[in-house]
Amino acid sequence: MNLKFLSNDELLLGTKKVVAQEREILVEVLHHLKEIDGRQLYLKIGYSSLWAYCTEELGYAESSAQRRIEAMRAIRDLPKLEEKIESGVLSLSNIAKAQSTLRRHRQSAVALAKNNEKAQYLGENEKLRIFAQLENKSQIEAEAILACEFPEIAKVNERIRKINSEETEIRYVASNRLIDKFEKIKSFFSHQNPNPTQAELEEMMADLVIAHKDPTAKAQRQTKMPRENAKACDKSKLAEDKPTKETNLPPLERQPFPPHGREKNRYIPVRTRSQVWRDAECRCEFLDPKTQRRCNSRHKLEIDHAYPVAFGGSHARENLRLYCRAHNVLDAREATLMG
């Protein structure tokens, strides 16, 4: 369509019509996301979260995906907001910012309640009052309103911004307690680096945590263990860590019959665990059976039994795979439904 031939009035009127259609489509998109989230369809096609589905499958930019997810959750909790979006009095950015702030406020209240401290939960009317204040407001005005309503959350607002292909800017507010911990950690590294920058300090801390928590790093340390120390190991422990007899079972499919023998306990030998993590490259191994797309999430990884221990599954390497928590729960739920 060539807009150059339209008159000024036709162009202005046509623009308003297109914008109205855009808002209607936006609400329809939010309803689709709500239904997908409710059915957890993103898990079944190999994504660990709705956000991963929106960015990788639907092609949204990270910030655009997050705004739509937050807005979807807002209209799910407060259906009255839907007409506000359609009419344009509430922008997508403002409704997403408010929903994110309300979620963090609830998380803070839950944490206080767990510590037996006084917690304030907001009801539906109070939430609608906050959203009403953001109507026809710019993003800066909305942020100022939310900062007045939730000053404790505004103080801890974090920012992660990509600078270039090699660097990312991270900005956050640290408590005095955290600063004291940083200073103490600096003393531990003082011989290695007497005056590190904050980025250097956090990288050294990250290296230390990875060295102790990464299962593949543990396996490498075991491989490099001196021979005399290996001989001194408890023979019974070595016997316990020997992998069980191969059963020639595909590693990533639920089996109709259990591997040989029922395990007496749920302990998986260290070497077997390390092998599972190493083979999976520290990523979720769930595969979409239709597209063969792998999840590859690094979040909350757990070793899962292809055939459950409760039904007679063993700790054989061929019966183990690495799943993220979301896909582990999905797999367990479907196994229960299948009986």
C-alpha atoms as a PDB file:
ATOM      1  CA  MET A   1       0.000   0.000   0.000  1.00  0.00           C
ATOM      2  CA  ASN A   2       1.395   3.366  -1.054  1.00  0.00           C
ATOM      3  CA  LEU A   3       0.561   5.926   1.631  1.00  0.00           C
ATOM      4  CA  LYS A   4       1.889   8.837  -0.414  1.00  0.00           C
ATOM      5  CA  PHE A   5      -1.385   9.129  -2.294  1.00  0.00           C
ATOM      6  CA  LEU A   6      -3.482   9.511   0.883  1.00  0.00           C
ATOM      7  CA  SER A   7      -4.663  12.905   1.996  1.00  0.00           C
ATOM      8  CA  ASN A   8      -3.611  14.234   5.401  1.00  0.00           C
ATOM      9  CA  ASP A   9      -7.006  13.431   6.932  1.00  0.00           C
ATOM     10  CA  GLU A  10      -7.042   9.933   5.440  1.00  0.00           C
ATOM     11  CA  LEU A  11      -3.521   9.235   6.710  1.00  0.00           C
ATOM     12  CA  LEU A  12      -4.317  10.394  10.261  1.00  0.00           C
ATOM     13  CA  LEU A  13      -7.601   8.491  10.357  1.00  0.00           C
ATOM     14  CA  GLY A  14      -5.984   5.370   8.931  1.00  0.00           C
ATOM     15  CA  THR A  15      -3.184   5.520  11.525  1.00  0.00           C
ATOM     16  CA  LYS A  16      -5.682   5.647  14.385  1.00  0.00           C
ATOM     17  CA  LYS A  17      -7.519   2.677  12.919  1.00  0.00           C
ATOM     18  CA  VAL A  18      -4.314   0.625  12.594  1.00  0.00           C
ATOM     19  CA  VAL A  19      -3.250   1.475  16.163  1.00  0.00           C
ATOM     20  CA  ALA A  20      -6.651   0.334  17.474  1.00  0.00           C
ATOM     21  CA  GLN A  21      -6.239  -2.932  15.576  1.00  0.00           C
ATOM     22  CA  GLU A  22      -2.742  -3.281  17.024  1.00  0.00           C
ATOM     23  CA  ARG A  23      -4.132  -3.044  20.564  1.00  0.00           C
ATOM     24  CA  GLU A  24      -6.774  -5.663  19.821  1.00  0.00           C
ATOM     25  CA  ILE A  25      -4.101  -7.991  18.447  1.00  0.00           C
ATOM     26  CA  LEU A  26      -1.948  -7.352  21.517  1.00  0.00           C
ATOM     27  CA  VAL A  27      -4.748  -8.462  23.835  1.00  0.00           C
ATOM     28  CA  GLU A  28      -5.294 -11.526  21.651  1.00  0.00           C
ATOM     29  CA  VAL A  29      -1.570 -12.343  21.890  1.00  0.00           C
ATOM     30  CA  LEU A  30      -1.755 -12.030  25.681  1.00  0.00           C
ATOM     31  CA  HIS A  31      -4.693 -14.454  25.779  1.00  0.00           C
ATOM     32  CA  HIS A  32      -2.750 -16.948  23.666  1.00  0.00           C
ATOM     33  CA  LEU A  33       0.239 -16.674  25.990  1.00  0.00           C
ATOM     34  CA  LYS A  34      -2.037 -17.143  29.006  1.00  0.00           C
ATOM     35  CA  GLU A  35      -3.454 -20.365  27.570  1.00  0.00           C
ATOM     36  CA  ILE A  36      -0.011 -21.657  26.578  1.00  0.00           C
ATOM     37  CA  ASP A  37       1.250 -20.872  30.083  1.00  0.00           C
ATOM     38  CA  GLY A  38      -1.730 -22.590  31.690  1.00  0.00           C
ATOM     39  CA  ARG A  39      -1.175 -25.768  29.663  1.00  0.00           C
ATOM     40  CA  GLN A  40       2.638 -25.491  29.968  1.00  0.00           C
ATOM     41  CA  LEU A  41       2.898 -26.261  26.269  1.00  0.00           C
ATOM     42  CA  TYR A  42       6.350 -24.664  26.093  1.00  0.00           C
ATOM     43  CA  LEU A  43       7.706 -27.530  28.216  1.00  0.00           C
ATOM     44  CA  LYS A  44       6.360 -30.200  25.875  1.00  0.00           C
ATOM     45  CA  ILE A  45       8.115 -28.678  22.852  1.00  0.00           C
ATOM     46  CA  GLY A  46      11.486 -28.392  24.581  1.00  0.00           C
ATOM     47  CA  TYR A  47      11.541 -24.961  26.261  1.00  0.00           C
ATOM     48  CA  SER A  48      12.231 -24.586  29.966  1.00  0.00           C
ATOM     49  CA  SER A  49      10.114 -21.437  30.404  1.00  0.00           C
ATOM     50  CA  LEU A  50       7.527 -19.268  28.705  1.00  0.00           C
ATOM     51  CA  TRP A  51      10.185 -16.570  28.343  1.00  0.00           C
ATOM     52  CA  ALA A  52      12.481 -18.950  26.427  1.00  0.00           C
ATOM     53  CA  TYR A  53       9.546 -19.894  24.168  1.00  0.00           C
ATOM     54  CA  CYS A  54       8.769 -16.225  23.432  1.00  0.00           C
ATOM     55  CA  THR A  55      12.365 -15.270  22.658  1.00  0.00           C
ATOM     56  CA  GLU A  56      13.493 -18.373  20.767  1.00  0.00           C
ATOM     57  CA  GLU A  57      10.308 -19.709  19.145  1.00  0.00           C
ATOM     58  CA  LEU A  58       8.305 -16.490  18.627  1.00  0.00           C
ATOM     59  CA  GLY A  59      11.337 -14.283  17.980  1.00  0.00           C
ATOM     60  CA  TYR A  60      10.592 -11.518  20.502  1.00  0.00           C
ATOM     61  CA  ALA A  61      13.454  -9.459  21.877  1.00  0.00           C
ATOM     62  CA  GLU A  62      14.176 -10.242  25.532  1.00  0.00           C
ATOM     63  CA  SER A  63      12.621  -7.026  26.852  1.00  0.00           C
ATOM     64  CA  SER A  64       9.589  -7.340  24.549  1.00  0.00           C
ATOM     65  CA  ALA A  65       8.995 -10.922  25.679  1.00  0.00           C
ATOM     66  CA  GLN A  66       9.229  -9.964  29.346  1.00  0.00           C
ATOM     67  CA  ARG A  67       6.756  -7.082  28.925  1.00  0.00           C
ATOM     68  CA  ARG A  68       4.199  -9.353  27.278  1.00  0.00           C
ATOM     69  CA  ILE A  69       4.592 -12.062  29.899  1.00  0.00           C
ATOM     70  CA  GLU A  70       4.156  -9.568  32.743  1.00  0.00           C
ATOM     71  CA  ALA A  71       1.125  -8.016  31.032  1.00  0.00           C
ATOM     72  CA  MET A  72      -0.369 -11.482  30.490  1.00  0.00           C
ATOM     73  CA  ARG A  73      -0.003 -12.244  34.195  1.00  0.00           C
ATOM     74  CA  ALA A  74      -1.589  -8.906  35.049  1.00  0.00           C
ATOM     75  CA  ILE A  75      -4.766  -9.527  33.027  1.00  0.00           C
ATOM     76  CA  ARG A  76      -4.847 -13.110  34.315  1.00  0.00           C
ATOM     77  CA  ASP A  77      -4.918 -11.836  37.910  1.00  0.00           C
ATOM     78  CA  LEU A  78      -6.997  -8.741  37.167  1.00  0.00           C
ATOM     79  CA  PRO A  79      -9.265  -9.268  34.103  1.00  0.00           C
ATOM     80  CA  LYS A  80     -10.570  -5.691  34.400  1.00  0.00           C
ATOM     81  CA  LEU A  81      -7.246  -4.443  33.035  1.00  0.00           C
ATOM     82  CA  GLU A  82      -7.952  -5.947  29.614  1.00  0.00           C
ATOM     83  CA  GLU A  83     -10.218  -3.111  28.525  1.00  0.00           C
ATOM     84  CA  LYS A  84      -7.623  -0.606  29.754  1.00  0.00           C
ATOM     85  CA  ILE A  85      -5.097  -2.093  27.314  1.00  0.00           C
ATOM     86  CA  GLU A  86      -7.587  -2.172  24.436  1.00  0.00           C
ATOM     87  CA  SER A  87      -8.520   1.467  24.971  1.00  0.00           C
ATOM     88  CA  GLY A  88      -4.881   2.516  25.231  1.00  0.00           C
ATOM     89  CA  VAL A  89      -5.092   4.194  28.645  1.00  0.00           C
ATOM     90  CA  LEU A  90      -2.597   1.649  30.016  1.00  0.00           C
ATOM     91  CA  SER A  91       0.548   1.102  27.980  1.00  0.00           C
ATOM     92  CA  LEU A  92       2.235  -2.275  27.746  1.00  0.00           C
ATOM     93  CA  SER A  93       5.399  -0.912  29.389  1.00  0.00           C
ATOM     94  CA  ASN A  94       3.554   0.557  32.372  1.00  0.00           C
ATOM     95  CA  ILE A  95       1.368  -2.473  33.021  1.00  0.00           C
ATOM     96  CA  ALA A  96       4.420  -4.754  32.805  1.00  0.00           C
ATOM     97  CA  LYS A  97       6.431  -2.539  35.155  1.00  0.00           C
ATOM     98  CA  ALA A  98       3.604  -2.453  37.691  1.00  0.00           C
ATOM     99  CA  GLN A  99       3.060  -6.218  37.522  1.00  0.00           C
ATOM    100  CA  SER A 100       6.762  -6.850  38.062  1.00  0.00           C
ATOM    101  CA  THR A 101       6.788  -4.503  41.053  1.00  0.00           C
ATOM    102  CA  LEU A 102       3.702  -6.138  42.568  1.00  0.00           C
ATOM    103  CA  ARG A 103       5.254  -9.578  42.144  1.00  0.00           C
ATOM    104  CA  ARG A 104       8.440  -8.502  43.903  1.00  0.00           C
ATOM    105  CA  HIS A 105       6.373  -6.910  46.670  1.00  0.00           C
ATOM    106  CA  ARG A 106       4.542 -10.197  47.195  1.00  0.00           C
ATOM    107  CA  GLN A 107       7.827 -12.119  47.254  1.00  0.00           C
ATOM    108  CA  SER A 108       9.099  -9.716  49.904  1.00  0.00           C
ATOM    109  CA  ALA A 109       5.907 -10.184  51.934  1.00  0.00           C
ATOM    110  CA  VAL A 110       6.217 -13.972  51.720  1.00  0.00           C
ATOM    111  CA  ALA A 111       9.819 -13.768  52.941  1.00  0.00           C
ATOM    112  CA  LEU A 112       8.737 -11.631  55.906  1.00  0.00           C
ATOM    113  CA  ALA A 113       5.947 -14.054  56.759  1.00  0.00           C
ATOM    114  CA  LYS A 114       8.388 -16.980  56.775  1.00  0.00           C
ATOM    115  CA  ASN A 115      10.490 -15.112  59.326  1.00  0.00           C
ATOM    116  CA  ASN A 116       7.400 -14.510  61.480  1.00  0.00           C
ATOM    117  CA  GLU A 117       7.502 -10.806  60.666  1.00  0.00           C
ATOM    118  CA  LYS A 118       4.564  -8.594  59.801  1.00  0.00           C
ATOM    119  CA  ALA A 119       3.749  -8.879  56.107  1.00  0.00           C
ATOM    120  CA  GLN A 120       1.367  -6.759  54.049  1.00  0.00           C
ATOM    121  CA  TYR A 121      -0.442  -8.429  51.153  1.00  0.00           C
ATOM    122  CA  LEU A 122      -2.289  -6.305  48.600  1.00  0.00           C
ATOM    123  CA  GLY A 123      -5.863  -7.171  47.663  1.00  0.00           C
ATOM    124  CA  GLU A 124      -7.510  -6.819  44.252  1.00  0.00           C
ATOM    125  CA  ASN A 125      -8.908  -3.330  44.912  1.00  0.00           C
ATOM    126  CA  GLU A 126      -5.540  -2.062  46.098  1.00  0.00           C
ATOM    127  CA  LYS A 127      -3.851  -3.420  42.989  1.00  0.00           C
ATOM    128  CA  LEU A 128      -6.465  -1.832  40.722  1.00  0.00           C
ATOM    129  CA  ARG A 129      -5.883   1.480  42.513  1.00  0.00           C
ATOM    130  CA  ILE A 130      -2.181   1.302  41.687  1.00  0.00           C
ATOM    131  CA  PHE A 131      -2.835   0.478  38.029  1.00  0.00           C
ATOM    132  CA  ALA A 132      -5.346   3.331  37.839  1.00  0.00           C
ATOM    133  CA  GLN A 133      -2.617   5.785  38.820  1.00  0.00           C
ATOM    134  CA  LEU A 134      -0.575   4.705  35.794  1.00  0.00           C
ATOM    135  CA  GLU A 135      -3.278   5.438  33.220  1.00  0.00           C
ATOM    136  CA  ASN A 136      -2.165   7.828  30.464  1.00  0.00           C
ATOM    137  CA  LYS A 137       1.226   8.254  32.153  1.00  0.00           C
ATOM    138  CA  SER A 138       4.646   8.175  30.525  1.00  0.00           C
ATOM    139  CA  GLN A 139       7.112   5.491  31.532  1.00  0.00           C
ATOM    140  CA  ILE A 140       9.117   7.955  33.639  1.00  0.00           C
ATOM    141  CA  GLU A 141       5.965   9.151  35.418  1.00  0.00           C
ATOM    142  CA  ALA A 142       4.908   5.546  36.043  1.00  0.00           C
ATOM    143  CA  GLU A 143       8.295   4.667  37.544  1.00  0.00           C
ATOM    144  CA  ALA A 144       8.036   7.677  39.877  1.00  0.00           C
ATOM    145  CA  ILE A 145       4.549   6.617  41.039  1.00  0.00           C
ATOM    146  CA  LEU A 146       5.687   3.040  41.699  1.00  0.00           C
ATOM    147  CA  ALA A 147       8.754   4.302  43.546  1.00  0.00           C
ATOM    148  CA  CYS A 148       6.474   6.286  45.878  1.00  0.00           C
ATOM    149  CA  GLU A 149       4.148   3.307  46.402  1.00  0.00           C
ATOM    150  CA  PHE A 150       6.958   0.778  46.909  1.00  0.00           C
ATOM    151  CA  PRO A 151      10.075   2.650  48.050  1.00  0.00           C
ATOM    152  CA  GLU A 152      11.716  -0.515  49.419  1.00  0.00           C
ATOM    153  CA  ILE A 153      11.558  -2.173  45.983  1.00  0.00           C
ATOM    154  CA  ALA A 154      12.706   0.893  44.061  1.00  0.00           C
ATOM    155  CA  LYS A 155      15.935   0.869  46.070  1.00  0.00           C
ATOM    156  CA  VAL A 156      16.917  -2.604  44.907  1.00  0.00           C
ATOM    157  CA  ASN A 157      16.113  -2.149  41.220  1.00  0.00           C
ATOM    158  CA  GLU A 158      18.699  -4.016  39.130  1.00  0.00           C
ATOM    159  CA  ARG A 159      19.827  -3.264  35.620  1.00  0.00           C
ATOM    160  CA  ILE A 160      21.619  -5.556  33.169  1.00  0.00           C
ATOM    161  CA  ARG A 161      22.527  -3.918  29.863  1.00  0.00           C
ATOM    162  CA  LYS A 162      24.489  -5.413  26.990  1.00  0.00           C
ATOM    163  CA  ILE A 163      27.293  -3.020  25.977  1.00  0.00           C
ATOM    164  CA  ASN A 164      28.862  -5.046  23.170  1.00  0.00           C
ATOM    165  CA  SER A 165      29.490  -8.653  22.168  1.00  0.00           C
ATOM    166  CA  GLU A 166      32.104  -9.039  24.916  1.00  0.00           C
ATOM    167  CA  GLU A 167      30.831  -6.920  27.823  1.00  0.00           C
ATOM    168  CA  THR A 168      27.669  -6.375  29.863  1.00  0.00           C
ATOM    169  CA  GLU A 169      26.928  -3.610  32.357  1.00  0.00           C
ATOM    170  CA  ILE A 170      25.417  -4.765  35.664  1.00  0.00           C
ATOM    171  CA  ARG A 171      24.050  -2.215  38.121  1.00  0.00           C
ATOM    172  CA  TYR A 172      22.487  -2.976  41.503  1.00  0.00           C
ATOM    173  CA  VAL A 173      22.204  -1.622  45.036  1.00  0.00           C
ATOM    174  CA  ALA A 174      24.203  -3.564  47.645  1.00  0.00           C
ATOM    175  CA  SER A 175      23.498  -3.599  51.370  1.00  0.00           C
ATOM    176  CA  ASN A 176      26.220  -2.738  53.882  1.00  0.00           C
ATOM    177  CA  ARG A 177      26.167  -6.383  54.941  1.00  0.00           C
ATOM    178  CA  LEU A 178      27.066  -7.447  51.401  1.00  0.00           C
ATOM    179  CA  ILE A 179      29.813  -4.815  51.153  1.00  0.00           C
ATOM    180  CA  ASP A 180      31.353  -6.147  54.379  1.00  0.00           C
ATOM    181  CA  LYS A 181      31.332  -9.644  52.882  1.00  0.00           C
ATOM    182  CA  PHE A 182      33.054  -8.358  49.741  1.00  0.00           C
ATOM    183  CA  GLU A 183      35.769  -6.730  51.841  1.00  0.00           C
ATOM    184  CA  LYS A 184      36.322  -9.964  53.750  1.00  0.00           C
ATOM    185  CA  ILE A 185      36.581 -11.942  50.512  1.00  0.00           C
ATOM    186  CA  LYS A 186      39.100  -9.411  49.186  1.00  0.00           C
ATOM    187  CA  SER A 187      41.375 -10.293  52.096  1.00  0.00           C
ATOM    188  CA  PHE A 188      41.271 -13.955  51.041  1.00  0.00           C
ATOM    189  CA  PHE A 189      42.545 -13.010  47.573  1.00  0.00           C
ATOM    190  CA  SER A 190      44.958 -10.284  48.726  1.00  0.00           C
ATOM    191  CA  HIS A 191      48.072 -12.305  47.815  1.00  0.00           C
ATOM    192  CA  GLN A 192      46.676 -13.134  44.402  1.00  0.00           C
ATOM    193  CA  ASN A 193      45.325  -9.643  43.643  1.00  0.00           C
ATOM    194  CA  PRO A 194      45.858  -6.979  46.353  1.00  0.00           C
ATOM    195  CA  ASN A 195      43.391  -4.446  44.942  1.00  0.00           C
ATOM    196  CA  PRO A 196      40.867  -6.035  42.579  1.00  0.00           C
ATOM    197  CA  THR A 197      38.067  -4.154  40.871  1.00  0.00           C
ATOM    198  CA  GLN A 198      34.520  -5.232  41.677  1.00  0.00           C
ATOM    199  CA  ALA A 199      34.321  -7.115  38.374  1.00  0.00           C
ATOM    200  CA  GLU A 200      37.631  -8.892  39.040  1.00  0.00           C
ATOM    201  CA  LEU A 201      36.519  -9.804  42.564  1.00  0.00           C
ATOM    202  CA  GLU A 202      33.217 -11.264  41.373  1.00  0.00           C
ATOM    203  CA  GLU A 203      34.983 -13.220  38.623  1.00  0.00           C
ATOM    204  CA  MET A 204      37.371 -14.758  41.176  1.00  0.00           C
ATOM    205  CA  MET A 205      34.383 -15.626  43.379  1.00  0.00           C
ATOM    206  CA  ALA A 206      32.603 -17.168  40.373  1.00  0.00           C
ATOM    207  CA  ASP A 207      35.680 -19.268  39.510  1.00  0.00           C
ATOM    208  CA  LEU A 208      35.843 -20.536  43.081  1.00  0.00           C
ATOM    209  CA  VAL A 209      32.158 -21.505  43.166  1.00  0.00           C
ATOM    210  CA  ILE A 210      32.339 -23.225  39.770  1.00  0.00           C
ATOM    211  CA  ALA A 211      35.417 -25.188  40.837  1.00  0.00           C
ATOM    212  CA  HIS A 212      33.567 -26.551  43.859  1.00  0.00           C
ATOM    213  CA  LYS A 213      30.006 -26.890  42.535  1.00  0.00           C
ATOM    214  CA  ASP A 214      30.378 -27.769  38.847  1.00  0.00           C
ATOM    215  CA  PRO A 215      30.042 -31.587  38.567  1.00  0.00           C
ATOM    216  CA  THR A 216      32.246 -31.646  35.455  1.00  0.00           C
ATOM    217  CA  ALA A 217      35.006 -29.796  37.329  1.00  0.00           C
ATOM    218  CA  LYS A 218      34.762 -32.353  40.130  1.00  0.00           C
ATOM    219  CA  ALA A 219      35.143 -35.141  37.591  1.00  0.00           C
ATOM    220  CA  GLN A 220      38.275 -33.494  36.174  1.00  0.00           C
ATOM    221  CA  ARG A 221      39.784 -33.254  39.661  1.00  0.00           C
ATOM    222  CA  GLN A 222      39.075 -36.937  40.235  1.00  0.00           C
ATOM    223  CA  THR A 223      40.747 -37.800  36.922  1.00  0.00           C
ATOM    224  CA  LYS A 224      43.876 -35.859  37.906  1.00  0.00           C
ATOM    225  CA  MET A 225      44.087 -37.502  41.351  1.00  0.00           C
ATOM    226  CA  PRO A 226      47.610 -38.905  42.067  1.00  0.00           C
ATOM    227  CA  ARG A 227      47.945 -42.669  41.736  1.00  0.00           C
ATOM    228  CA  GLU A 228      49.061 -43.146  45.335  1.00  0.00           C
ATOM    229  CA  ASN A 229      45.968 -41.347  46.592  1.00  0.00           C
ATOM    230  CA  ALA A 230      43.768 -43.427  44.317  1.00  0.00           C
ATOM    231  CA  LYS A 231      45.242 -46.625  45.754  1.00  0.00           C
ATOM    232  CA  ALA A 232      44.542 -45.385  49.264  1.00  0.00           C
ATOM    233  CA  CYS A 233      40.823 -45.000  48.527  1.00  0.00           C
ATOM    234  CA  ASP A 234      38.403 -47.288  50.303  1.00  0.00           C
ATOM    235  CA  LYS A 235      37.915 -50.399  48.157  1.00  0.00           C
ATOM    236  CA  SER A 236      34.331 -50.712  49.226  1.00  0.00           C
ATOM    237  CA  LYS A 237      33.669 -47.174  48.041  1.00  0.00           C
ATOM    238  CA  LEU A 238      35.210 -47.947  44.673  1.00  0.00           C
ATOM    239  CA  ALA A 239      33.055 -51.047  44.378  1.00  0.00           C
ATOM    240  CA  GLU A 240      29.978 -49.002  45.205  1.00  0.00           C
ATOM    241  CA  ASP A 241      30.874 -46.410  42.570  1.00  0.00           C
ATOM    242  CA  LYS A 242      31.282 -48.956  39.781  1.00  0.00           C
ATOM    243  CA  PRO A 243      28.623 -48.444  37.106  1.00  0.00           C
ATOM    244  CA  THR A 244      26.019 -51.161  37.011  1.00  0.00           C
ATOM    245  CA  LYS A 245      25.807 -53.627  34.177  1.00  0.00           C
ATOM    246  CA  GLU A 246      24.793 -52.118  30.857  1.00  0.00           C
ATOM    247  CA  THR A 247      21.219 -52.731  29.874  1.00  0.00           C
ATOM    248  CA  ASN A 248      21.327 -51.324  26.294  1.00  0.00           C
ATOM    249  CA  LEU A 249      18.467 -48.913  27.002  1.00  0.00           C
ATOM    250  CA  PRO A 250      18.149 -45.643  25.074  1.00  0.00           C
ATOM    251  CA  PRO A 251      19.184 -42.906  27.574  1.00  0.00           C
ATOM    252  CA  LEU A 252      16.475 -40.333  26.884  1.00  0.00           C
ATOM    253  CA  GLU A 253      13.260 -42.307  26.472  1.00  0.00           C
ATOM    254  CA  ARG A 254      10.952 -43.598  29.174  1.00  0.00           C
ATOM    255  CA  GLN A 255      11.184 -47.346  29.211  1.00  0.00           C
ATOM    256  CA  PRO A 256       8.169 -49.706  29.251  1.00  0.00           C
ATOM    257  CA  PHE A 257      10.063 -52.179  31.463  1.00  0.00           C
ATOM    258  CA  PRO A 258      12.492 -51.490  34.326  1.00  0.00           C
ATOM    259  CA  PRO A 259      16.268 -52.070  34.052  1.00  0.00           C
ATOM    260  CA  HIS A 260      17.682 -55.034  35.962  1.00  0.00           C
ATOM    261  CA  GLY A 261      16.853 -55.079  39.662  1.00  0.00           C
ATOM    262  CA  ARG A 262      15.302 -52.639  42.095  1.00  0.00           C
ATOM    263  CA  GLU A 263      17.666 -50.240  43.859  1.00  0.00           C
ATOM    264  CA  LYS A 264      17.880 -50.501  47.637  1.00  0.00           C
ATOM    265  CA  ASN A 265      18.324 -46.741  48.038  1.00  0.00           C
ATOM    266  CA  ARG A 266      18.299 -43.541  45.997  1.00  0.00           C
ATOM    267  CA  TYR A 267      22.059 -42.904  46.216  1.00  0.00           C
ATOM    268  CA  ILE A 268      23.641 -42.512  42.774  1.00  0.00           C
ATOM    269  CA  PRO A 269      27.414 -43.197  42.743  1.00  0.00           C
ATOM    270  CA  VAL A 270      29.557 -40.082  42.404  1.00  0.00           C
ATOM    271  CA  ARG A 271      31.266 -41.277  39.248  1.00  0.00           C
ATOM    272  CA  THR A 272      27.956 -42.039  37.594  1.00  0.00           C
ATOM    273  CA  ARG A 273      26.571 -38.619  38.519  1.00  0.00           C
ATOM    274  CA  SER A 274      29.677 -36.914  37.138  1.00  0.00           C
ATOM    275  CA  GLN A 275      29.371 -38.902  33.914  1.00  0.00           C
ATOM    276  CA  VAL A 276      25.739 -37.832  33.474  1.00  0.00           C
ATOM    277  CA  TRP A 277      26.625 -34.165  33.955  1.00  0.00           C
ATOM    278  CA  ARG A 278      29.639 -34.472  31.667  1.00  0.00           C
ATOM    279  CA  ASP A 279      27.715 -36.216  28.882  1.00  0.00           C
ATOM    280  CA  ALA A 280      24.918 -33.632  29.071  1.00  0.00           C
ATOM    281  CA  GLU A 281      27.413 -30.732  29.088  1.00  0.00           C
ATOM    282  CA  CYS A 282      25.575 -29.284  32.125  1.00  0.00           C
ATOM    283  CA  ARG A 283      22.404 -28.660  30.109  1.00  0.00           C
ATOM    284  CA  CYS A 284      18.892 -30.110  30.169  1.00  0.00           C
ATOM    285  CA  GLU A 285      18.590 -33.116  27.842  1.00  0.00           C
ATOM    286  CA  PHE A 286      14.827 -33.022  27.292  1.00  0.00           C
ATOM    287  CA  LEU A 287      13.923 -33.518  23.618  1.00  0.00           C
ATOM    288  CA  ASP A 288      10.722 -32.568  21.864  1.00  0.00           C
ATOM    289  CA  PRO A 289       9.634 -35.931  20.390  1.00  0.00           C
ATOM    290  CA  LYS A 290       8.305 -34.210  17.238  1.00  0.00           C
ATOM    291  CA  THR A 291      11.030 -31.692  16.384  1.00  0.00           C
ATOM    292  CA  GLN A 292      13.885 -33.272  18.394  1.00  0.00           C
ATOM    293  CA  ARG A 293      14.587 -29.814  19.782  1.00  0.00           C
ATOM    294  CA  ARG A 294      16.641 -29.999  22.993  1.00  0.00           C
ATOM    295  CA  CYS A 295      15.813 -27.776  25.975  1.00  0.00           C
ATOM    296  CA  ASN A 296      19.463 -26.946  26.918  1.00  0.00           C
ATOM    297  CA  SER A 297      18.424 -25.007  30.031  1.00  0.00           C
ATOM    298  CA  ARG A 298      21.027 -24.575  32.805  1.00  0.00           C
ATOM    299  CA  HIS A 299      18.441 -23.692  35.462  1.00  0.00           C
ATOM    300  CA  LYS A 300      17.775 -26.057  38.413  1.00  0.00           C
ATOM    301  CA  LEU A 301      19.258 -29.148  36.788  1.00  0.00           C
ATOM    302  CA  GLU A 302      18.456 -32.552  38.304  1.00  0.00           C
ATOM    303  CA  ILE A 303      19.375 -36.145  37.474  1.00  0.00           C
ATOM    304  CA  ASP A 304      16.248 -37.995  36.403  1.00  0.00           C
ATOM    305  CA  HIS A 305      15.579 -41.724  35.968  1.00  0.00           C
ATOM    306  CA  ALA A 306      14.143 -42.696  32.581  1.00  0.00           C
ATOM    307  CA  TYR A 307      12.370 -45.498  34.425  1.00  0.00           C
ATOM    308  CA  PRO A 308      11.585 -44.329  38.002  1.00  0.00           C
ATOM    309  CA  VAL A 309      13.244 -45.990  40.984  1.00  0.00           C
ATOM    310  CA  ALA A 310       9.807 -46.330  42.603  1.00  0.00           C
ATOM    311  CA  PHE A 311       8.780 -48.640  39.745  1.00  0.00           C
ATOM    312  CA  GLY A 312      11.977 -50.678  39.801  1.00  0.00           C
ATOM    313  CA  GLY A 313      14.350 -48.442  37.809  1.00  0.00           C
ATOM    314  CA  SER A 314      18.092 -48.709  38.476  1.00  0.00           C
ATOM    315  CA  HIS A 315      20.979 -46.241  38.756  1.00  0.00           C
ATOM    316  CA  ALA A 316      22.574 -47.592  35.577  1.00  0.00           C
ATOM    317  CA  ARG A 317      24.032 -44.854  33.397  1.00  0.00           C
ATOM    318  CA  GLU A 318      21.648 -45.803  30.578  1.00  0.00           C
ATOM    319  CA  ASN A 319      18.675 -45.109  32.854  1.00  0.00           C
ATOM    320  CA  LEU A 320      19.806 -41.604  33.827  1.00  0.00           C
ATOM    321  CA  ARG A 321      19.487 -38.229  32.115  1.00  0.00           C
ATOM    322  CA  LEU A 322      19.901 -34.601  33.159  1.00  0.00           C
ATOM    323  CA  TYR A 323      16.680 -32.564  33.214  1.00  0.00           C
ATOM    324  CA  CYS A 324      15.817 -29.075  34.392  1.00  0.00           C
ATOM    325  CA  ARG A 325      13.338 -28.943  37.277  1.00  0.00           C
ATOM    326  CA  ALA A 326      10.453 -27.961  34.975  1.00  0.00           C
ATOM    327  CA  HIS A 327      10.941 -30.891  32.601  1.00  0.00           C
ATOM    328  CA  ASN A 328      11.601 -33.289  35.470  1.00  0.00           C
ATOM    329  CA  VAL A 329       8.240 -32.356  37.010  1.00  0.00           C
ATOM    330  CA  LEU A 330       6.516 -32.605  33.607  1.00  0.00           C
ATOM    331  CA  ASP A 331       7.993 -36.049  32.997  1.00  0.00           C
ATOM    332  CA  ALA A 332       6.955 -37.271  36.469  1.00  0.00           C
ATOM    333  CA  ARG A 333       3.429 -35.957  35.992  1.00  0.00           C
ATOM    334  CA  GLU A 334       3.024 -37.652  32.611  1.00  0.00           C
ATOM    335  CA  ALA A 335       4.464 -40.885  34.028  1.00  0.00           C
ATOM    336  CA  THR A 336       1.841 -40.799  36.783  1.00  0.00           C
ATOM    337  CA  LEU A 337      -0.939 -40.247  34.248  1.00  0.00           C
ATOM    338  CA  MET A 338       0.318 -43.171  32.169  1.00  0.00           C
ATOM    339  CA  GLY A 339       0.270 -45.341  35.302  1.00  0.00           C
END
